[in-house]
Amino acid sequence: MKYIKYDVKERIAYITLARAEKRNALNDHVVEELSNYFGKAEVDPEVKVVILRAEGKVFCAGADLGYLQQLQKNNFEENLEDSSKLKDLFLKIYTLKKVVIAQIQGHAIAGGCGLAAVCDFAFTVPEAKFGYSEVKIGFIPAIVMVFLIRKIGDGRSRELLLGGNLINSKIAMHYGVINWVVEEDSLEKEVYNFASNLISKNSAQSLQYTKEMLSNVQNMNLNESLDYAARMNAEARESKDCKRGIMAFLNKEEIMW
């Protein structure tokens, strides 16, 4: 059974959670399919931007109940292997060579909110709720914590992860969990327009280099990060995209990427 739909149109890969009857909850099969499709989009030369979206009224309700029951029977090694797959998925999305936009049409809870956190941009609707409720059931938001602290800082992360309470879309935007709140009837259009602008106005090579640096510089001290930045700067200058872009700029020509 397929839990994810994949489609490519106008240089956009649409990865769609398709378990509306289960509120698009996560299990090992969903995680595996998501990972496979993000990997497919990353190497597809016809794809420049990826949009993660979902069917139904809920974006993602976190872990599937049946899946949680199954986990109770696992030993430590089995749970570590399973947990590592979720870790690999989050890391793949976070470090993907192409921009990832979350189109969040409904609630994003626990692992679902984790998916939102690892995307580069996130659009949502006024009615959506967000939160990491793991501590409410004796679990911990372990993997998403690593990414959330990077995204919104220690203080806000403590509030969300230790409190375990849901917040509305406006607060989620204020905290930096998501970027924009738009009305439901314009969500798809707003996300498409934003993606299309990235595709036509921004160099794919520059987007890739910038994402790579954003992931790496936070692990370095000041001198290391500056040396790394200088090397990346020099490497970018030798790229075809940079030469093409500078030539167009100097000639006052509009460039379409």
Protein backbone atom coordinates (compact mmCIF):
# COMPACT_ATOMS: atom_id res chain seq x y z
CA MET A 1 0.00 0.00 0.00
CA LYS A 2 1.30 3.43 -0.91
CA TYR A 3 0.99 6.14 1.70
CA ILE A 4 2.65 8.91 -0.30
CA LYS A 5 1.85 10.42 -3.67
CA TYR A 6 4.59 11.86 -5.87
CA ASP A 7 4.18 14.14 -8.85
CA VAL A 8 6.34 16.61 -10.77
CA LYS A 9 4.92 19.68 -12.51
CA GLU A 10 6.68 22.84 -13.69
CA ARG A 11 9.94 21.91 -11.94
CA ILE A 12 8.13 21.34 -8.63
CA ALA A 13 8.06 17.91 -6.97
CA TYR A 14 4.89 17.45 -4.93
CA ILE A 15 5.27 14.93 -2.11
CA THR A 16 1.83 14.35 -0.62
CA LEU A 17 0.90 12.53 2.58
CA ALA A 18 -2.09 10.41 1.50
CA ARG A 19 -3.46 8.85 4.70
CA ALA A 20 -6.30 11.26 5.32
CA GLU A 21 -8.34 8.53 7.05
CA LYS A 22 -5.50 8.16 9.59
CA ARG A 23 -4.87 11.92 9.83
CA ASN A 24 -1.67 11.32 7.84
CA ALA A 25 -0.06 9.73 10.88
CA LEU A 26 3.49 8.42 10.64
CA ASN A 27 4.61 4.82 10.80
CA ASP A 28 7.68 2.99 9.54
CA HIS A 29 6.22 2.58 6.05
CA VAL A 30 5.32 6.26 5.75
CA VAL A 31 8.79 7.29 6.91
CA GLU A 32 10.42 4.94 4.42
CA GLU A 33 8.29 6.18 1.52
CA LEU A 34 8.91 9.82 2.41
CA SER A 35 12.63 9.20 2.53
CA ASN A 36 12.58 7.45 -0.84
CA TYR A 37 10.61 10.21 -2.54
CA PHE A 38 12.74 13.01 -1.12
CA GLY A 39 15.77 11.13 -2.38
CA LYS A 40 14.12 10.81 -5.79
CA ALA A 41 13.34 14.53 -5.94
CA GLU A 42 16.89 15.44 -4.96
CA VAL A 43 18.46 13.71 -7.95
CA ASP A 44 15.74 14.52 -10.50
CA PRO A 45 17.15 17.13 -12.93
CA GLU A 46 13.59 18.25 -13.71
CA VAL A 47 12.98 19.25 -10.07
CA LYS A 48 14.16 22.52 -8.55
CA VAL A 49 11.80 22.92 -5.56
CA VAL A 50 9.96 20.36 -3.42
CA ILE A 51 6.55 20.96 -1.82
CA LEU A 52 5.51 18.71 1.07
CA ARG A 53 1.74 18.68 1.51
CA ALA A 54 -1.07 16.43 2.74
CA GLU A 55 -4.58 15.31 1.91
CA GLY A 56 -7.53 15.77 4.26
CA LYS A 57 -8.07 18.18 7.13
CA VAL A 58 -4.94 17.30 9.16
CA PHE A 59 -1.39 17.77 7.90
CA CYS A 60 0.09 15.11 10.18
CA ALA A 61 -1.04 13.95 13.62
CA GLY A 62 2.28 12.40 14.63
CA ALA A 63 2.80 8.68 15.18
CA ASP A 64 0.14 6.18 14.16
CA LEU A 65 -1.57 4.54 17.15
CA GLY A 66 -1.08 1.04 15.81
CA TYR A 67 2.55 1.86 15.20
CA LEU A 68 2.95 3.05 18.80
CA GLN A 69 1.47 -0.22 20.04
CA GLN A 70 3.92 -2.18 17.92
CA LEU A 71 6.85 -0.21 19.30
CA GLN A 72 6.01 -1.43 22.80
CA LYS A 73 7.04 -4.94 21.70
CA ASN A 74 10.40 -3.88 20.29
CA ASN A 75 13.69 -4.40 22.09
CA PHE A 76 16.27 -1.61 22.34
CA GLU A 77 18.09 -2.54 19.14
CA GLU A 78 14.85 -2.63 17.17
CA ASN A 79 13.75 0.73 18.57
CA LEU A 80 17.17 2.23 17.80
CA GLU A 81 16.97 1.02 14.20
CA ASP A 82 13.44 2.41 13.85
CA SER A 83 14.36 5.72 15.46
CA SER A 84 17.36 6.05 13.18
CA LYS A 85 15.07 5.89 10.14
CA LEU A 86 13.12 8.92 11.37
CA LYS A 87 16.40 10.66 12.12
CA ASP A 88 17.61 9.93 8.60
CA LEU A 89 14.37 11.30 7.11
CA PHE A 90 14.54 14.56 9.06
CA LEU A 91 18.20 14.97 8.19
CA LYS A 92 17.53 14.26 4.51
CA ILE A 93 14.84 16.95 4.34
CA TYR A 94 16.92 19.45 6.32
CA THR A 95 20.01 18.98 4.16
CA LEU A 96 18.30 18.30 0.81
CA LYS A 97 20.10 19.99 -2.06
CA LYS A 98 16.81 21.56 -3.15
CA VAL A 99 14.50 23.93 -1.31
CA VAL A 100 11.65 22.23 0.57
CA ILE A 101 8.39 24.08 1.28
CA ALA A 102 5.77 22.72 3.68
CA GLN A 103 2.17 23.41 2.67
CA ILE A 104 0.34 22.85 5.96
CA GLN A 105 -3.43 22.83 5.55
CA GLY A 106 -4.25 21.55 9.06
CA HIS A 107 -2.88 20.51 12.43
CA ALA A 108 0.77 19.44 12.62
CA ILE A 109 1.40 17.58 15.87
CA ALA A 110 4.48 15.84 17.32
CA GLY A 111 6.25 14.16 14.38
CA GLY A 112 4.05 16.16 12.02
CA CYS A 113 5.33 19.36 13.58
CA GLY A 114 8.79 17.88 13.25
CA LEU A 115 8.28 17.61 9.50
CA ALA A 116 7.33 21.29 9.41
CA ALA A 117 10.41 22.24 11.41
CA VAL A 118 12.92 20.61 9.05
CA CYS A 119 11.53 22.21 5.89
CA ASP A 120 13.13 25.41 4.61
CA PHE A 121 9.84 27.30 4.47
CA ALA A 122 6.37 26.60 5.83
CA PHE A 123 2.99 28.06 4.92
CA THR A 124 -0.10 27.32 6.98
CA VAL A 125 -3.72 28.35 7.59
CA PRO A 126 -5.21 30.28 10.53
CA GLU A 127 -7.03 27.21 11.90
CA ALA A 128 -3.96 24.97 12.18
CA LYS A 129 -2.48 23.98 15.53
CA PHE A 130 1.14 23.11 16.17
CA GLY A 131 2.98 21.41 18.99
CA TYR A 132 5.22 18.68 20.33
CA SER A 133 3.03 16.62 22.66
CA GLU A 134 5.43 13.72 23.26
CA VAL A 135 5.94 14.47 26.98
CA LYS A 136 2.19 14.15 27.49
CA ILE A 137 2.41 10.40 26.82
CA GLY A 138 5.73 9.69 28.52
CA PHE A 139 7.77 9.95 25.34
CA ILE A 140 10.38 12.54 24.35
CA PRO A 141 10.72 14.82 21.27
CA ALA A 142 14.30 13.66 20.88
CA ILE A 143 15.08 13.90 17.18
CA VAL A 144 13.15 17.04 16.34
CA MET A 145 14.83 18.78 19.29
CA VAL A 146 18.14 18.87 17.44
CA PHE A 147 16.60 20.71 14.51
CA LEU A 148 14.15 22.88 16.45
CA ILE A 149 16.86 24.45 18.61
CA ARG A 150 18.70 25.43 15.44
CA LYS A 151 15.51 26.88 13.98
CA ILE A 152 13.98 28.85 16.86
CA GLY A 153 16.55 28.85 19.66
CA ASP A 154 16.85 27.26 23.09
CA GLY A 155 14.24 29.29 24.96
CA ARG A 156 11.32 28.78 22.59
CA SER A 157 12.30 25.14 22.12
CA ARG A 158 12.15 24.55 25.88
CA GLU A 159 8.72 26.15 26.02
CA LEU A 160 7.33 23.94 23.26
CA LEU A 161 9.13 20.69 24.04
CA LEU A 162 8.83 20.70 27.82
CA GLY A 163 5.36 22.23 27.93
CA GLY A 164 4.00 19.92 25.27
CA ASN A 165 1.09 22.27 24.60
CA LEU A 166 -0.42 23.14 21.24
CA ILE A 167 -0.10 26.65 19.86
CA ASN A 168 -2.08 28.39 17.14
CA SER A 169 -0.69 29.37 13.76
CA LYS A 170 -0.03 33.01 14.68
CA ILE A 171 2.08 32.02 17.67
CA ALA A 172 3.84 29.37 15.59
CA MET A 173 4.75 32.07 13.09
CA HIS A 174 5.88 34.42 15.86
CA TYR A 175 8.10 31.68 17.30
CA GLY A 176 9.56 30.90 13.88
CA VAL A 177 8.19 27.37 13.56
CA ILE A 178 6.43 28.41 10.35
CA ASN A 179 6.88 31.41 8.06
CA TRP A 180 3.50 32.55 6.78
CA VAL A 181 -0.18 32.22 7.65
CA VAL A 182 -2.59 32.55 4.73
CA GLU A 183 -6.28 31.86 4.26
CA GLU A 184 -7.18 28.29 3.37
CA ASP A 185 -8.64 29.14 -0.03
CA SER A 186 -5.39 30.80 -1.11
CA LEU A 187 -2.88 28.41 0.48
CA GLU A 188 -2.15 26.35 -2.62
CA LYS A 189 -1.80 29.44 -4.82
CA GLU A 190 0.49 31.25 -2.34
CA VAL A 191 2.78 28.25 -2.05
CA TYR A 192 2.86 27.75 -5.81
CA ASN A 193 3.65 31.42 -6.45
CA PHE A 194 6.43 31.37 -3.87
CA ALA A 195 7.93 28.19 -5.35
CA SER A 196 7.65 29.55 -8.89
CA ASN A 197 9.45 32.73 -7.89
CA LEU A 198 12.32 30.70 -6.40
CA ILE A 199 12.50 28.65 -9.58
CA SER A 200 12.59 31.59 -11.97
CA LYS A 201 14.57 34.13 -9.92
CA ASN A 202 17.14 32.12 -7.96
CA SER A 203 20.05 29.98 -9.14
CA ALA A 204 19.72 26.29 -8.25
CA GLN A 205 23.46 26.11 -7.58
CA SER A 206 23.31 29.11 -5.27
CA LEU A 207 20.35 27.65 -3.39
CA GLN A 208 22.22 24.38 -2.95
CA TYR A 209 25.41 26.05 -1.72
CA THR A 210 23.52 28.30 0.67
CA LYS A 211 21.54 25.39 2.17
CA GLU A 212 24.74 23.41 2.58
CA MET A 213 26.40 26.28 4.40
CA LEU A 214 23.42 26.91 6.64
CA SER A 215 23.67 23.30 7.81
CA ASN A 216 27.43 23.34 8.33
CA VAL A 217 28.45 26.71 9.75
CA GLN A 218 26.56 26.23 13.01
CA ASN A 219 28.89 23.37 13.95
CA MET A 220 32.05 25.47 13.54
CA ASN A 221 33.79 28.07 15.64
CA LEU A 222 34.17 31.60 14.30
CA ASN A 223 37.48 31.13 12.52
CA GLU A 224 36.53 27.75 11.08
CA SER A 225 33.22 29.09 9.78
CA LEU A 226 34.89 32.10 8.17
CA ASP A 227 37.53 29.93 6.48
CA TYR A 228 34.79 27.63 5.24
CA ALA A 229 32.77 30.61 4.00
CA ALA A 230 35.77 31.97 2.11
CA ARG A 231 36.33 28.60 0.40
CA MET A 232 32.66 28.31 -0.53
CA ASN A 233 32.72 31.88 -1.82
CA ALA A 234 35.67 31.08 -4.06
CA GLU A 235 34.07 27.84 -5.26
CA ALA A 236 30.81 29.60 -6.09
CA ARG A 237 32.65 32.21 -8.17
CA GLU A 238 33.91 29.46 -10.46
CA SER A 239 30.45 28.01 -11.07
CA LYS A 240 28.62 28.40 -14.37
CA ASP A 241 25.64 29.94 -12.59
CA CYS A 242 27.74 32.67 -11.02
CA LYS A 243 29.45 33.57 -14.28
CA ARG A 244 26.12 33.61 -16.09
CA GLY A 245 24.43 35.66 -13.37
CA ILE A 246 27.17 38.27 -13.10
CA MET A 247 27.30 38.66 -16.87
CA ALA A 248 23.54 39.25 -16.97
CA PHE A 249 23.79 41.72 -14.09
CA LEU A 250 26.60 43.67 -15.76
CA ASN A 251 24.69 43.77 -19.03
CA LYS A 252 21.50 44.79 -17.20
CA GLU A 253 19.71 41.74 -18.57
CA GLU A 254 16.97 39.90 -16.72
CA ILE A 255 17.95 36.32 -16.10
CA MET A 256 15.50 33.43 -15.89
CA TRP A 257 16.88 30.45 -14.04
